């Protein structure tokens, strides 16, 4: 079952196209990252899903049904900067939030425990760090025990400690069976917490699917010798239709992930009468893979 299915969603602001025919689905139990640089349409898409914005075209379903307010009550959201009363405590702020939602007032102690704020529940919001404020916002989204959480840039503006806290919280919630949909422009964040990803660029969907399948990192072998052009010509004769490129004073050979064997490369070059002065393997960075996809 998919908790969200999007079919050709488009959104225009006058002549500006924010989203163009975006389609993907979010499976139940996944941590689904919507990844893209600022201005790629991530926040607009979440706003449409939660009925804050109206799509110009296309349709979507929640829990395989046509969306309505009852279905949205099964979703907890954090779409904007937390907006709490600075002079009230966590408990007092959550009571107000529960009153607005008309659900979850008996849930306050439980959600504060989940986000590790029980020992600060009576402290005023103004005394909280940015990370604590963000965790309180997630606690508010958890009121009423929703099946799905929708989080827009949940680590935005946080220091490394705050980012780590939110990441661990997301992992905890996922382990408890929550489906989490989160927008982020941070590649590292998606790599560390998400099981699935959709990549947007300028409002268009570049790709989507399982993170491990999309971000398969190739094996890059770097070699060097006294005659770089001769080395490149020889390596082009290696079996496997490999990609061979000169990069400065080295030659890079791109192998499918997990298939590079340094001993075989060395032996091949030796048989061609080439003595290597450098031979090492490195993984293609996730960042370079992301740049390939979005560029």
Protein backbone atom coordinates (compact mmCIF):
# COMPACT_ATOMS: atom_id res chain seq x y z
CA UNK A 1 0.00 0.00 0.00
CA UNK A 2 1.16 3.50 -0.81
CA UNK A 3 0.48 6.28 1.69
CA UNK A 4 0.87 8.83 -1.10
CA UNK A 5 0.52 8.53 -4.87
CA UNK A 6 1.19 11.62 -7.00
CA UNK A 7 0.13 11.73 -10.65
CA UNK A 8 1.37 14.52 -12.93
CA UNK A 9 1.14 17.28 -10.32
CA UNK A 10 1.88 20.74 -11.73
CA UNK A 11 1.84 24.17 -10.10
CA UNK A 12 2.18 27.53 -11.81
CA UNK A 13 2.49 30.97 -10.27
CA UNK A 14 1.59 33.09 -13.26
CA UNK A 15 4.31 32.46 -15.82
CA UNK A 16 6.54 30.74 -13.27
CA UNK A 17 6.37 26.94 -13.23
CA UNK A 18 7.03 25.62 -9.71
CA UNK A 19 6.16 21.98 -10.49
CA UNK A 20 5.81 20.24 -13.83
CA UNK A 21 4.09 16.85 -14.19
CA UNK A 22 5.60 15.29 -11.07
CA UNK A 23 4.65 11.67 -10.41
CA UNK A 24 5.86 9.21 -7.76
CA UNK A 25 4.54 7.07 -4.93
CA UNK A 26 5.53 6.70 -1.26
CA UNK A 27 5.30 3.15 0.11
CA UNK A 28 4.02 2.55 3.63
CA UNK A 29 6.79 2.25 6.21
CA UNK A 30 9.38 4.12 4.16
CA UNK A 31 11.45 7.16 5.04
CA UNK A 32 10.95 9.04 1.80
CA UNK A 33 13.19 11.99 1.01
CA UNK A 34 12.18 14.68 -1.47
CA UNK A 35 15.60 16.00 -2.41
CA UNK A 36 16.56 19.03 -4.42
CA UNK A 37 18.27 22.40 -4.28
CA UNK A 38 16.42 25.42 -2.97
CA UNK A 39 13.75 26.48 -5.42
CA UNK A 40 13.23 23.00 -6.84
CA UNK A 41 9.58 22.80 -5.74
CA UNK A 42 9.85 20.63 -2.61
CA UNK A 43 7.90 22.91 -0.26
CA UNK A 44 5.29 23.63 -2.93
CA UNK A 45 4.71 19.91 -3.39
CA UNK A 46 4.27 19.31 0.34
CA UNK A 47 1.89 22.26 0.53
CA UNK A 48 -0.27 20.72 -2.18
CA UNK A 49 -0.34 17.36 -0.45
CA UNK A 50 -1.51 18.97 2.79
CA UNK A 51 -4.10 21.19 1.00
CA UNK A 52 -2.30 24.42 1.87
CA UNK A 53 -1.87 25.06 -1.88
CA UNK A 54 -3.96 24.02 -4.87
CA UNK A 55 -2.32 22.25 -7.79
CA UNK A 56 -2.66 23.74 -11.26
CA UNK A 57 -2.92 20.26 -12.70
CA UNK A 58 -2.66 16.59 -11.79
CA UNK A 59 -4.05 14.47 -8.98
CA UNK A 60 -2.88 12.64 -5.89
CA UNK A 61 -4.19 10.04 -3.46
CA UNK A 62 -3.65 9.47 0.25
CA UNK A 63 -3.72 5.87 1.49
CA UNK A 64 -4.94 4.86 -2.01
CA UNK A 65 -8.04 7.06 -1.61
CA UNK A 66 -9.06 10.48 -2.85
CA UNK A 67 -7.78 13.00 -0.29
CA UNK A 68 -10.05 14.59 2.30
CA UNK A 69 -9.72 16.12 5.76
CA UNK A 70 -10.34 12.81 7.53
CA UNK A 71 -7.43 11.19 5.72
CA UNK A 72 -5.21 14.17 6.49
CA UNK A 73 -5.86 13.66 10.19
CA UNK A 74 -3.75 10.51 9.81
CA UNK A 75 -0.80 12.74 8.88
CA UNK A 76 1.29 14.89 11.21
CA UNK A 77 3.01 17.86 9.62
CA UNK A 78 5.90 20.25 10.14
CA UNK A 79 5.80 22.57 7.15
CA UNK A 80 7.04 25.85 8.58
CA UNK A 81 9.29 27.27 11.27
CA UNK A 82 7.89 26.22 14.68
CA UNK A 83 5.44 28.87 15.88
CA UNK A 84 5.10 28.53 19.63
CA UNK A 85 4.52 31.04 22.43
CA UNK A 86 7.95 31.95 23.79
CA UNK A 87 6.72 32.59 27.34
CA UNK A 88 4.85 29.28 27.67
CA UNK A 89 6.24 25.86 28.53
CA UNK A 90 6.38 22.85 26.21
CA UNK A 91 3.32 21.35 27.90
CA UNK A 92 1.34 24.57 27.62
CA UNK A 93 2.24 25.03 23.97
CA UNK A 94 1.30 21.45 23.13
CA UNK A 95 -2.06 21.88 24.90
CA UNK A 96 -2.78 24.82 22.63
CA UNK A 97 -1.71 22.82 19.57
CA UNK A 98 -3.89 19.89 20.63
CA UNK A 99 -6.83 22.28 21.07
CA UNK A 100 -6.36 23.63 17.55
CA UNK A 101 -6.11 20.11 16.14
CA UNK A 102 -8.99 18.94 18.36
CA UNK A 103 -7.04 15.81 19.18
CA UNK A 104 -4.01 14.64 21.12
CA UNK A 105 -4.36 16.42 24.50
CA UNK A 106 -3.95 13.10 26.32
CA UNK A 107 -0.89 12.40 24.18
CA UNK A 108 1.35 15.19 25.44
CA UNK A 109 3.45 13.22 27.94
CA UNK A 110 4.00 10.43 25.41
CA UNK A 111 5.22 12.69 22.60
CA UNK A 112 7.49 14.66 24.92
CA UNK A 113 9.10 11.37 25.94
CA UNK A 114 9.61 10.38 22.29
CA UNK A 115 11.42 13.64 21.48
CA UNK A 116 13.44 13.54 24.74
CA UNK A 117 11.99 16.71 26.23
CA UNK A 118 10.35 15.28 29.34
CA UNK A 119 12.94 16.78 31.66
CA UNK A 120 12.40 20.22 30.08
CA UNK A 121 8.64 20.02 29.66
CA UNK A 122 7.97 22.87 32.11
CA UNK A 123 10.70 25.16 30.77
CA UNK A 124 9.62 28.11 28.67
CA UNK A 125 10.06 27.83 24.93
CA UNK A 126 12.40 30.84 24.94
CA UNK A 127 14.99 28.85 26.92
CA UNK A 128 15.18 26.07 24.32
CA UNK A 129 18.04 25.56 21.87
CA UNK A 130 17.18 25.49 18.16
CA UNK A 131 17.37 21.69 18.20
CA UNK A 132 15.00 21.47 21.16
CA UNK A 133 12.58 23.84 19.44
CA UNK A 134 12.59 21.63 16.37
CA UNK A 135 12.03 18.53 18.47
CA UNK A 136 9.07 20.22 20.15
CA UNK A 137 7.67 20.97 16.71
CA UNK A 138 7.97 17.29 15.82
CA UNK A 139 6.25 16.46 19.13
CA UNK A 140 3.37 18.71 18.04
CA UNK A 141 3.20 16.82 14.73
CA UNK A 142 3.04 13.54 16.66
CA UNK A 143 -0.03 14.55 18.68
CA UNK A 144 -2.85 12.12 17.96
CA UNK A 145 -0.41 9.40 16.91
CA UNK A 146 -0.51 9.92 13.12
CA UNK A 147 0.57 7.13 10.79
CA UNK A 148 2.56 9.47 8.56
CA UNK A 149 4.81 12.45 9.26
CA UNK A 150 5.47 15.15 6.66
CA UNK A 151 8.54 17.23 7.53
CA UNK A 152 9.83 20.17 5.50
CA UNK A 153 13.60 20.67 5.99
CA UNK A 154 13.54 19.31 9.56
CA UNK A 155 17.24 20.06 10.21
CA UNK A 156 17.36 23.47 8.54
CA UNK A 157 19.41 26.00 10.51
CA UNK A 158 20.52 23.53 13.17
CA UNK A 159 24.08 23.03 14.40
CA UNK A 160 25.73 19.59 14.00
CA UNK A 161 24.45 18.41 17.39
CA UNK A 162 20.90 19.47 16.56
CA UNK A 163 21.10 17.81 13.15
CA UNK A 164 22.28 14.55 14.72
CA UNK A 165 19.43 14.68 17.27
CA UNK A 166 16.78 15.11 14.57
CA UNK A 167 18.30 12.35 12.46
CA UNK A 168 18.22 9.92 15.37
CA UNK A 169 14.64 10.93 16.14
CA UNK A 170 13.59 10.25 12.55
CA UNK A 171 15.27 6.83 12.68
CA UNK A 172 13.47 6.09 15.96
CA UNK A 173 10.08 7.05 14.55
CA UNK A 174 10.69 4.96 11.45
CA UNK A 175 11.59 1.96 13.62
CA UNK A 176 8.22 2.40 15.35
CA UNK A 177 6.42 1.98 12.03
CA UNK A 178 5.85 5.59 11.03
CA UNK A 179 6.03 6.52 7.36
CA UNK A 180 8.05 9.71 7.05
CA UNK A 181 8.07 12.07 4.08
CA UNK A 182 10.75 14.72 4.40
CA UNK A 183 11.96 17.46 2.09
CA UNK A 184 15.63 18.34 2.20
CA UNK A 185 18.32 20.06 0.14
CA UNK A 186 21.00 18.18 2.11
CA UNK A 187 22.28 15.13 0.28
CA UNK A 188 24.04 13.80 3.36
CA UNK A 189 20.80 13.91 5.34
CA UNK A 190 18.91 11.86 2.77
CA UNK A 191 21.73 9.32 2.51
CA UNK A 192 21.79 8.76 6.27
CA UNK A 193 18.08 8.50 7.10
CA UNK A 194 16.03 7.79 3.97
CA UNK A 195 15.09 4.49 2.38
CA UNK A 196 13.59 6.08 -0.74
CA UNK A 197 14.12 9.37 -2.55
CA UNK A 198 12.63 11.58 -5.25
CA UNK A 199 14.98 14.16 -6.77
CA UNK A 200 13.55 17.43 -8.04
CA UNK A 201 15.24 20.12 -10.11
CA UNK A 202 13.47 23.31 -11.21
CA UNK A 203 10.10 21.70 -10.54
CA UNK A 204 10.78 18.58 -12.59
CA UNK A 205 11.25 15.05 -11.28
CA UNK A 206 14.71 13.78 -12.19
CA UNK A 207 14.36 10.30 -10.69
CA UNK A 208 12.83 8.42 -7.76
CA UNK A 209 13.16 5.05 -6.09
CA UNK A 210 15.20 3.16 -3.51
CA UNK A 211 18.14 5.20 -2.22
CA UNK A 212 20.57 2.30 -2.59
CA UNK A 213 19.59 1.82 -6.22
CA UNK A 214 19.70 5.49 -7.21
CA UNK A 215 22.91 6.31 -5.39
CA UNK A 216 24.92 3.26 -6.38
CA UNK A 217 28.48 4.51 -6.11
CA UNK A 218 30.83 3.36 -8.85
CA UNK A 219 34.32 2.13 -8.07
CA UNK A 220 36.93 4.56 -9.37
CA UNK A 221 40.47 3.21 -9.80
CA UNK A 222 43.20 5.82 -10.15
CA UNK A 223 46.43 4.85 -11.86
CA UNK A 224 49.53 6.70 -13.05
CA UNK A 225 52.75 5.97 -14.93
CA UNK A 226 55.57 7.87 -16.65
CA UNK A 227 53.61 8.01 -19.95
CA UNK A 228 49.99 8.95 -19.21
CA UNK A 229 48.78 8.76 -22.84
CA UNK A 230 50.28 5.30 -23.34
CA UNK A 231 48.64 4.21 -20.09
CA UNK A 232 45.22 5.45 -21.20
CA UNK A 233 45.50 3.71 -24.58
CA UNK A 234 46.41 0.43 -22.88
CA UNK A 235 43.59 0.65 -20.33
CA UNK A 236 41.07 1.22 -23.12
CA UNK A 237 41.86 -2.37 -24.15
CA UNK A 238 40.76 -3.80 -20.79
CA UNK A 239 37.69 -6.04 -21.08
CA UNK A 240 34.35 -4.83 -19.76
CA UNK A 241 33.75 -1.66 -21.80
CA UNK A 242 35.07 0.48 -18.94
CA UNK A 243 35.14 4.27 -18.82
CA UNK A 244 38.75 5.50 -18.96
CA UNK A 245 39.61 9.20 -18.55
CA UNK A 246 42.72 11.29 -18.00
CA UNK A 247 42.34 13.54 -14.95
CA UNK A 248 45.42 15.71 -14.59
CA UNK A 249 48.40 13.44 -13.97
CA UNK A 250 46.35 10.28 -13.40
CA UNK A 251 44.02 8.01 -15.34
CA UNK A 252 40.65 7.12 -13.82
CA UNK A 253 38.94 3.82 -14.62
CA UNK A 254 35.24 3.53 -13.70
CA UNK A 255 34.09 0.04 -12.73
CA UNK A 256 30.58 -1.10 -11.78
CA UNK A 257 30.21 -0.99 -8.01
CA UNK A 258 32.11 -3.78 -6.25
CA UNK A 259 33.83 -5.09 -9.39
CA UNK A 260 37.20 -3.28 -9.29
CA UNK A 261 40.22 -5.50 -8.62
CA UNK A 262 43.54 -3.70 -8.19
CA UNK A 263 45.58 -6.85 -8.67
CA UNK A 264 43.96 -7.46 -12.07
CA UNK A 265 44.60 -3.85 -13.14
CA UNK A 266 48.24 -4.08 -12.08
CA UNK A 267 48.71 -7.42 -13.86
CA UNK A 268 47.07 -6.11 -17.05
CA UNK A 269 49.35 -3.05 -17.15
CA UNK A 270 52.44 -5.18 -16.41
CA UNK A 271 51.63 -7.46 -19.34
CA UNK A 272 51.41 -4.35 -21.55
CA UNK A 273 54.90 -3.32 -20.43
CA UNK A 274 53.67 -0.48 -18.23
CA UNK A 275 54.98 0.04 -14.70
CA UNK A 276 52.49 1.86 -12.48
CA UNK A 277 53.64 4.61 -10.13
CA UNK A 278 50.17 4.91 -8.54
CA UNK A 279 47.32 2.47 -8.06
CA UNK A 280 44.41 3.10 -5.71
CA UNK A 281 40.65 2.70 -5.49
CA UNK A 282 38.08 5.17 -4.28
CA UNK A 283 34.30 5.36 -4.33
CA UNK A 284 32.58 7.97 -6.41
CA UNK A 285 31.20 10.48 -3.91
CA UNK A 286 27.47 10.69 -3.37
CA UNK A 287 27.78 14.41 -4.05
CA UNK A 288 29.24 13.83 -7.52
CA UNK A 289 26.45 11.34 -8.27
CA UNK A 290 23.86 13.91 -7.17
CA UNK A 291 25.47 16.55 -9.38
CA UNK A 292 25.32 14.17 -12.32
CA UNK A 293 21.61 13.61 -11.75
CA UNK A 294 20.69 17.26 -11.30
CA UNK A 295 22.98 18.67 -13.99
